[in-house]
C-alpha atoms as a PDB file:
ATOM      1  CA  MET A   1      -8.299  17.997  -2.296  1.00  0.00           C
ATOM      2  CA  ALA A   2      -4.683  16.854  -2.153  1.00  0.00           C
ATOM      3  CA  ASP A   3      -5.680  13.678  -0.321  1.00  0.00           C
ATOM      4  CA  LEU A   4      -8.492  13.075  -2.756  1.00  0.00           C
ATOM      5  CA  SER A   5      -6.021  13.454  -5.618  1.00  0.00           C
ATOM      6  CA  ILE A   6      -3.816  10.747  -4.105  1.00  0.00           C
ATOM      7  CA  GLU A   7      -6.886   8.567  -3.733  1.00  0.00           C
ATOM      8  CA  GLN A   8      -7.742   9.023  -7.389  1.00  0.00           C
ATOM      9  CA  GLN A   9      -4.164   8.296  -8.413  1.00  0.00           C
ATOM     10  CA  LEU A  10      -4.176   5.116  -6.370  1.00  0.00           C
ATOM     11  CA  SER A  11      -7.443   4.048  -7.937  1.00  0.00           C
ATOM     12  CA  GLN A  12      -6.021   4.606 -11.428  1.00  0.00           C
ATOM     13  CA  LYS A  13      -2.822   2.745 -10.543  1.00  0.00           C
ATOM     14  CA  CYS A  14      -4.883  -0.113  -9.188  1.00  0.00           C
ATOM     15  CA  ASN A  15      -6.974  -0.325 -12.370  1.00  0.00           C
ATOM     16  CA  PHE A  16      -3.893  -0.120 -14.583  1.00  0.00           C
ATOM     17  CA  CYS A  17      -2.049  -2.795 -12.611  1.00  0.00           C
ATOM     18  CA  GLU A  18      -5.016  -5.160 -12.650  1.00  0.00           C
ATOM     19  CA  SER A  19      -5.448  -4.674 -16.407  1.00  0.00           C
ATOM     20  CA  ALA A  20      -1.732  -5.365 -16.977  1.00  0.00           C
ATOM     21  CA  ILE A  21      -1.880  -8.503 -14.822  1.00  0.00           C
ATOM     22  CA  ASP A  22      -4.928  -9.802 -16.711  1.00  0.00           C
ATOM     23  CA  GLN A  23      -3.244  -9.215 -20.084  1.00  0.00           C
ATOM     24  CA  LEU A  24      -0.008 -10.899 -19.053  1.00  0.00           C
ATOM     25  CA  ARG A  25      -1.943 -13.729 -17.389  1.00  0.00           C
ATOM     26  CA  SER A  26      -3.655 -14.349 -20.712  1.00  0.00           C
ATOM     27  CA  GLU A  27      -0.763 -13.967 -23.162  1.00  0.00           C
ATOM     28  CA  LEU A  28       2.481 -15.018 -21.452  1.00  0.00           C
ATOM     29  CA  PRO A  29       1.428 -18.600 -20.622  1.00  0.00           C
ATOM     30  CA  LYS A  30       0.156 -19.030 -24.195  1.00  0.00           C
ATOM     31  CA  PHE A  31       3.516 -17.920 -25.545  1.00  0.00           C
ATOM     32  CA  LEU A  32       5.491 -20.125 -23.156  1.00  0.00           C
ATOM     33  CA  ASN A  33       3.300 -23.190 -23.675  1.00  0.00           C
ATOM     34  CA  LYS A  34       3.595 -22.775 -27.430  1.00  0.00           C
ATOM     35  CA  LYS A  35       7.389 -22.778 -27.062  1.00  0.00           C
ATOM     36  CA  ALA A  36       7.191 -25.911 -24.937  1.00  0.00           C
ATOM     37  CA  GLU A  37       5.202 -27.627 -27.696  1.00  0.00           C
ATOM     38  CA  LEU A  38       8.203 -27.289 -30.021  1.00  0.00           C
ATOM     39  CA  ASP A  39       9.428 -30.602 -28.605  1.00  0.00           C
ATOM     40  CA  LYS A  40       7.023 -32.340 -30.982  1.00  0.00           C
ATOM     41  CA  SER A  41       8.544 -30.480 -33.928  1.00  0.00           C
ATOM     42  CA  ASN A  42      12.056 -31.209 -32.686  1.00  0.00           C
ATOM     43  CA  HIS A  43      11.312 -34.922 -32.435  1.00  0.00           C
ATOM     44  CA  SER A  44       9.860 -34.976 -35.946  1.00  0.00           C
ATOM     45  CA  LEU A  45      12.845 -33.074 -37.334  1.00  0.00           C
ATOM     46  CA  ALA A  46      15.297 -35.381 -35.585  1.00  0.00           C
ATOM     47  CA  GLN A  47      13.596 -38.416 -37.115  1.00  0.00           C
ATOM     48  CA  SER A  48      13.724 -36.858 -40.585  1.00  0.00           C
ATOM     49  CA  LEU A  49      17.419 -36.066 -40.170  1.00  0.00           C
ATOM     50  CA  ARG A  50      18.094 -39.682 -39.207  1.00  0.00           C
ATOM     51  CA  ASN A  51      16.175 -40.923 -42.238  1.00  0.00           C
ATOM     52  CA  VAL A  52      18.209 -38.686 -44.552  1.00  0.00           C
ATOM     53  CA  ALA A  53      21.458 -39.657 -42.845  1.00  0.00           C
ATOM     54  CA  ALA A  54      20.713 -43.334 -43.368  1.00  0.00           C
ATOM     55  CA  THR A  55      20.887 -42.864 -47.149  1.00  0.00           C
ATOM     56  CA  GLU A  56      23.707 -40.290 -47.201  1.00  0.00           C
ATOM     57  CA  SER A  57      26.764 -41.540 -49.137  1.00  0.00           C
ATOM     58  CA  ASN A  58      29.208 -38.955 -47.815  1.00  0.00           C
ATOM     59  CA  ASP A  59      30.594 -40.182 -44.506  1.00  0.00           C
ATOM     60  CA  LYS A  60      31.216 -36.748 -43.003  1.00  0.00           C
ATOM     61  CA  MET A  61      27.818 -35.457 -44.068  1.00  0.00           C
ATOM     62  CA  GLN A  62      26.199 -38.569 -42.675  1.00  0.00           C
ATOM     63  CA  GLU A  63      27.964 -38.087 -39.343  1.00  0.00           C
ATOM     64  CA  CYS A  64      26.850 -34.458 -39.275  1.00  0.00           C
ATOM     65  CA  LEU A  65      23.221 -35.375 -39.961  1.00  0.00           C
ATOM     66  CA  PHE A  66      23.197 -37.991 -37.203  1.00  0.00           C
ATOM     67  CA  ASN A  67      24.766 -35.491 -34.799  1.00  0.00           C
ATOM     68  CA  CYS A  68      22.126 -32.896 -35.722  1.00  0.00           C
ATOM     69  CA  ALA A  69      19.380 -35.391 -34.953  1.00  0.00           C
ATOM     70  CA  THR A  70      20.937 -36.222 -31.594  1.00  0.00           C
ATOM     71  CA  LYS A  71      21.329 -32.564 -30.598  1.00  0.00           C
ATOM     72  CA  TYR A  72      17.706 -31.741 -31.438  1.00  0.00           C
ATOM     73  CA  GLU A  73      16.572 -34.679 -29.338  1.00  0.00           C
ATOM     74  CA  GLU A  74      18.677 -33.352 -26.458  1.00  0.00           C
ATOM     75  CA  LEU A  75      17.121 -29.901 -26.861  1.00  0.00           C
ATOM     76  CA  ASP A  76      13.690 -31.500 -26.388  1.00  0.00           C
ATOM     77  CA  GLU A  77      14.517 -31.860 -22.710  1.00  0.00           C
ATOM     78  CA  GLU A  78      15.493 -28.195 -22.449  1.00  0.00           C
ATOM     79  CA  LEU A  79      12.079 -27.110 -23.753  1.00  0.00           C
ATOM     80  CA  LYS A  80      10.571 -28.286 -20.471  1.00  0.00           C
ATOM     81  CA  ILE A  81      11.914 -25.103 -18.903  1.00  0.00           C
ATOM     82  CA  PHE A  82       9.181 -23.166 -20.703  1.00  0.00           C
ATOM     83  CA  ARG A  83       6.486 -25.278 -19.040  1.00  0.00           C
ATOM     84  CA  ASN A  84       8.051 -24.600 -15.652  1.00  0.00           C
ATOM     85  CA  CYS A  85       8.319 -20.909 -16.513  1.00  0.00           C
ATOM     86  CA  SER A  86       4.633 -20.822 -17.479  1.00  0.00           C
ATOM     87  CA  GLU A  87       3.625 -22.261 -14.100  1.00  0.00           C
ATOM     88  CA  GLN A  88       5.862 -19.799 -12.241  1.00  0.00           C
ATOM     89  CA  THR A  89       4.500 -16.919 -14.330  1.00  0.00           C
ATOM     90  CA  ASN A  90       0.926 -17.796 -13.384  1.00  0.00           C
ATOM     91  CA  SER A  91       1.932 -18.045  -9.734  1.00  0.00           C
ATOM     92  CA  ILE A  92       3.635 -14.615  -9.743  1.00  0.00           C
ATOM     93  CA  LEU A  93       0.701 -12.909 -11.468  1.00  0.00           C
ATOM     94  CA  ASP A  94      -1.901 -14.561  -9.245  1.00  0.00           C
ATOM     95  CA  GLU A  95       0.078 -13.545  -6.175  1.00  0.00           C
ATOM     96  CA  ALA A  96       0.383  -9.961  -7.444  1.00  0.00           C
ATOM     97  CA  LYS A  97      -3.368  -9.749  -7.879  1.00  0.00           C
ATOM     98  CA  SER A  98      -4.154 -11.334  -4.508  1.00  0.00           C
ATOM     99  CA  TYR A  99      -1.581  -9.527  -2.383  1.00  0.00           C
ATOM    100  CA  LEU A 100      -1.167  -6.231  -4.242  1.00  0.00           C
ATOM    101  CA  VAL A 101      -4.262  -5.205  -6.189  1.00  0.00           C
ATOM    102  CA  LEU A 102      -7.093  -6.635  -4.093  1.00  0.00           C
ATOM    103  CA  PRO A 103      -5.833  -5.305  -0.720  1.00  0.00           C
ATOM    104  CA  LEU A 104      -5.462  -1.824  -2.192  1.00  0.00           C
ATOM    105  CA  ARG A 105      -8.989  -2.007  -3.587  1.00  0.00           C
ATOM    106  CA  GLU A 106     -10.231  -2.925  -0.122  1.00  0.00           C
ATOM    107  CA  VAL A 107      -8.421   0.068   1.357  1.00  0.00           C
ATOM    108  CA  LEU A 108      -9.991   2.416  -1.202  1.00  0.00           C
ATOM    109  CA  LEU A 109     -13.465   0.932  -0.721  1.00  0.00           C
ATOM    110  CA  ASP A 110     -13.136   1.159   3.049  1.00  0.00           C
ATOM    111  CA  LEU A 111     -12.035   4.765   2.696  1.00  0.00           C
ATOM    112  CA  ALA A 112     -15.047   5.568   0.500  1.00  0.00           C
ATOM    113  CA  ASP A 113     -17.420   3.870   2.965  1.00  0.00           C
ATOM    114  CA  THR A 114     -15.908   5.697   5.916  1.00  0.00           C
ATOM    115  CA  ARG A 115     -16.141   9.028   4.117  1.00  0.00           C
ATOM    116  CA  ALA A 116     -19.806   8.326   3.346  1.00  0.00           C
ATOM    117  CA  THR A 117     -20.592   7.709   7.029  1.00  0.00           C
ATOM    118  CA  VAL A 118     -18.946  10.887   8.280  1.00  0.00           C
ATOM    119  CA  GLY A 119     -21.462  13.630   8.791  1.00  0.00           C
ATOM    120  CA  LYS A 120     -24.461  11.304   8.572  1.00  0.00           C
ATOM    121  CA  LYS A 121     -27.422  12.287  10.638  1.00  0.00           C
ATOM    122  CA  HIS A 122     -28.729  10.169  13.503  1.00  0.00           C
ATOM    123  CA  GLN A 123     -25.175   9.403  14.671  1.00  0.00           C
ATOM    124  CA  SER A 124     -24.064   9.962  18.212  1.00  0.00           C
ATOM    125  CA  SER A 125     -21.325  12.512  18.648  1.00  0.00           C
ATOM    126  CA  ALA A 126     -18.971   9.773  19.889  1.00  0.00           C
ATOM    127  CA  ILE A 127     -19.455   7.637  16.770  1.00  0.00           C
ATOM    128  CA  SER A 128     -19.213  10.686  14.540  1.00  0.00           C
ATOM    129  CA  THR A 129     -15.916  11.637  16.203  1.00  0.00           C
ATOM    130  CA  ILE A 130     -14.556   8.113  15.843  1.00  0.00           C
ATOM    131  CA  ASN A 131     -15.485   7.999  12.137  1.00  0.00           C
ATOM    132  CA  ALA A 132     -13.939  11.410  11.539  1.00  0.00           C
ATOM    133  CA  GLN A 133     -10.713  10.356  13.250  1.00  0.00           C
ATOM    134  CA  ARG A 134     -10.666   7.088  11.330  1.00  0.00           C
ATOM    135  CA  LEU A 135     -11.180   8.951   8.041  1.00  0.00           C
ATOM    136  CA  LYS A 136      -8.366  11.357   8.847  1.00  0.00           C
ATOM    137  CA  HIS A 137      -6.045   8.480   9.712  1.00  0.00           C
ATOM    138  CA  MET A 138      -6.899   6.633   6.479  1.00  0.00           C
ATOM    139  CA  GLU A 139      -6.383   9.727   4.335  1.00  0.00           C
ATOM    140  CA  THR A 140      -3.073  10.428   6.055  1.00  0.00           C
ATOM    141  CA  ALA A 141      -1.937   6.851   5.286  1.00  0.00           C
ATOM    142  CA  LEU A 142      -2.656   7.144   1.547  1.00  0.00           C
ATOM    143  CA  PRO A 143       0.850   8.399   0.578  1.00  0.00           C
ATOM    144  CA  LEU A 144       2.317   5.383   2.389  1.00  0.00           C
ATOM    145  CA  HIS A 145      -0.062   3.041   0.559  1.00  0.00           C
ATOM    146  CA  SER A 146       0.979   4.671  -2.729  1.00  0.00           C
ATOM    147  CA  LYS A 147       4.679   4.231  -1.983  1.00  0.00           C
ATOM    148  CA  LEU A 148       4.316   0.601  -0.867  1.00  0.00           C
ATOM    149  CA  PHE A 149       2.109  -0.205  -3.839  1.00  0.00           C
ATOM    150  CA  GLU A 150       4.742   1.074  -6.281  1.00  0.00           C
ATOM    151  CA  GLN A 151       7.551  -0.777  -4.531  1.00  0.00           C
ATOM    152  CA  HIS A 152       5.723  -4.098  -4.574  1.00  0.00           C
ATOM    153  CA  ARG A 153       4.352  -3.595  -8.090  1.00  0.00           C
ATOM    154  CA  VAL A 154       7.842  -3.028  -9.489  1.00  0.00           C
ATOM    155  CA  GLY A 155       9.101  -5.975  -7.425  1.00  0.00           C
ATOM    156  CA  TYR A 156       6.516  -8.311  -8.939  1.00  0.00           C
ATOM    157  CA  MET A 157       7.305  -7.087 -12.462  1.00  0.00           C
ATOM    158  CA  LYS A 158      11.035  -7.611 -11.897  1.00  0.00           C
ATOM    159  CA  GLY A 159      10.391 -11.158 -10.704  1.00  0.00           C
ATOM    160  CA  LEU A 160       8.121 -11.865 -13.652  1.00  0.00           C
ATOM    161  CA  LEU A 161      10.549 -10.562 -16.282  1.00  0.00           C
ATOM    162  CA  THR A 162      13.549 -12.234 -14.647  1.00  0.00           C
ATOM    163  CA  ASN A 163      11.748 -15.573 -14.637  1.00  0.00           C
ATOM    164  CA  PHE A 164      10.671 -15.202 -18.274  1.00  0.00           C
ATOM    165  CA  LEU A 165      13.969 -13.874 -19.663  1.00  0.00           C
ATOM    166  CA  PHE A 166      16.111 -16.401 -17.801  1.00  0.00           C
ATOM    167  CA  ALA A 167      14.051 -19.205 -19.343  1.00  0.00           C
ATOM    168  CA  GLU A 168      14.676 -17.731 -22.793  1.00  0.00           C
ATOM    169  CA  LEU A 169      18.388 -17.278 -22.102  1.00  0.00           C
ATOM    170  CA  ARG A 170      18.823 -20.793 -20.713  1.00  0.00           C
ATOM    171  CA  TYR A 171      17.216 -22.435 -23.713  1.00  0.00           C
ATOM    172  CA  HIS A 172      19.027 -20.345 -26.317  1.00  0.00           C
ATOM    173  CA  CYS A 173      22.382 -20.781 -24.556  1.00  0.00           C
ATOM    174  CA  LYS A 174      21.843 -24.539 -24.518  1.00  0.00           C
ATOM    175  CA  ALA A 175      20.875 -24.405 -28.196  1.00  0.00           C
ATOM    176  CA  LEU A 176      23.992 -22.386 -28.993  1.00  0.00           C
ATOM    177  CA  GLU A 177      26.136 -24.826 -27.051  1.00  0.00           C
ATOM    178  CA  ALA A 178      24.610 -27.801 -28.866  1.00  0.00           C
ATOM    179  CA  ILE A 179      24.526 -26.396 -32.398  1.00  0.00           C
ATOM    180  CA  SER A 180      27.829 -24.478 -32.600  1.00  0.00           C
ATOM    181  CA  PRO A 181      29.959 -27.648 -33.010  1.00  0.00           C
ATOM    182  CA  LEU A 182      27.654 -28.753 -35.826  1.00  0.00           C
ATOM    183  CA  VAL A 183      28.301 -25.524 -37.720  1.00  0.00           C
ATOM    184  CA  GLU A 184      32.043 -26.139 -37.400  1.00  0.00           C
ATOM    185  CA  MET A 185      31.579 -29.729 -38.544  1.00  0.00           C
ATOM    186  CA  ILE A 186      29.654 -28.574 -41.628  1.00  0.00           C
ATOM    187  CA  ALA A 187      32.351 -25.991 -42.398  1.00  0.00           C
ATOM    188  CA  ASN A 188      34.924 -28.788 -42.530  1.00  0.00           C
ATOM    189  CA  ILE A 189      33.023 -30.530 -45.302  1.00  0.00           C
ATOM    190  CA  THR A 190      34.538 -28.596 -48.174  1.00  0.00           C
ATOM    191  CA  GLU A 191      33.322 -28.592 -51.735  1.00  0.00           C
ATOM    192  CA  ASP A 192      36.670 -29.921 -52.960  1.00  0.00           C
ATOM    193  CA  LYS A 193      36.441 -32.956 -50.749  1.00  0.00           C
ATOM    194  CA  LEU A 194      32.910 -33.572 -51.848  1.00  0.00           C
ATOM    195  CA  SER A 195      33.914 -33.242 -55.486  1.00  0.00           C
ATOM    196  CA  ASP A 196      36.817 -35.675 -55.022  1.00  0.00           C
ATOM    197  CA  GLU A 197      34.555 -38.257 -53.425  1.00  0.00           C
ATOM    198  CA  ILE A 198      31.942 -37.862 -56.143  1.00  0.00           C
ATOM    199  CA  LYS A 199      34.661 -38.151 -58.776  1.00  0.00           C
ATOM    200  CA  GLU A 200      36.006 -41.337 -57.155  1.00  0.00           C
ATOM    201  CA  LYS A 201      32.531 -42.866 -57.074  1.00  0.00           C
ATOM    202  CA  ARG A 202      31.993 -41.876 -60.725  1.00  0.00           C
ATOM    203  CA  ASP A 203      35.332 -43.444 -61.723  1.00  0.00           C
ATOM    204  CA  ASP A 204      34.417 -46.628 -59.880  1.00  0.00           C
ATOM    205  CA  VAL A 205      31.104 -46.832 -61.723  1.00  0.00           C
ATOM    206  CA  GLU A 206      32.792 -46.200 -65.100  1.00  0.00           C
ATOM    207  CA  SER A 207      35.389 -48.866 -64.346  1.00  0.00           C
ATOM    208  CA  VAL A 208      32.681 -51.404 -63.554  1.00  0.00           C
ATOM    209  CA  ASN A 209      30.838 -50.514 -66.780  1.00  0.00           C
ATOM    210  CA  ASP A 210      34.041 -50.907 -68.804  1.00  0.00           C
ATOM    211  CA  ASP A 211      34.633 -54.337 -67.308  1.00  0.00           C
ATOM    212  CA  GLU A 212      31.096 -55.412 -68.135  1.00  0.00           C
ATOM    213  CA  ASN A 213      31.439 -54.174 -71.726  1.00  0.00           C
ATOM    214  CA  GLY A 214      34.851 -55.809 -72.203  1.00  0.00           C
ATOM    215  CA  LEU A 215      36.542 -52.460 -72.890  1.00  0.00           C
ATOM    216  CA  THR A 216      39.403 -52.867 -70.467  1.00  0.00           C
ATOM    217  CA  ASP A 217      42.832 -54.057 -71.596  1.00  0.00           C
ATOM    218  CA  GLY A 218      43.733 -57.676 -71.180  1.00  0.00           C
END
């Protein structure tokens, strides 16, 4: 009964692991590919920022807008990491299914077949003895199969999460590195400076109007 319990546990673990692999195989690549598609949005945003910068009258704001556009174009290249991560994710999950789940299923099926043959009628005593010994050996090996299965399952999950999280970290660190100077640049454009420049432009316009209307002295 104890051996049978281990067999049942292994079967449940196998089903759970296969279900988890199928779910991750379906959802993770979708998520990563969607992130990779942000390069289209980044390119569009960069173009819009350049268009706005071209008509910006404030020199510092104009410089900031052009720099923003450039940084978003640079981040386009970094988004490729998500495509690479998606391919690696598929490879890890496919490998886990091929080298972890399917071999264990074969072991359990072989065990069930061997158990079914033991005690069958019309078998010679030699064959019956061989099958009984084989069954005993397979049942004795189940705890080892369980231990190895857990070790490799956790190993595959660690590899999968490391691959996925490192891709996220790399992109966001690059984004932080690119965007942080822009935040500092924006902070240096103070309202007072903006007001002074607007006031100067307004005074220039009023001066021109006064000249045209003959209101200036002399």
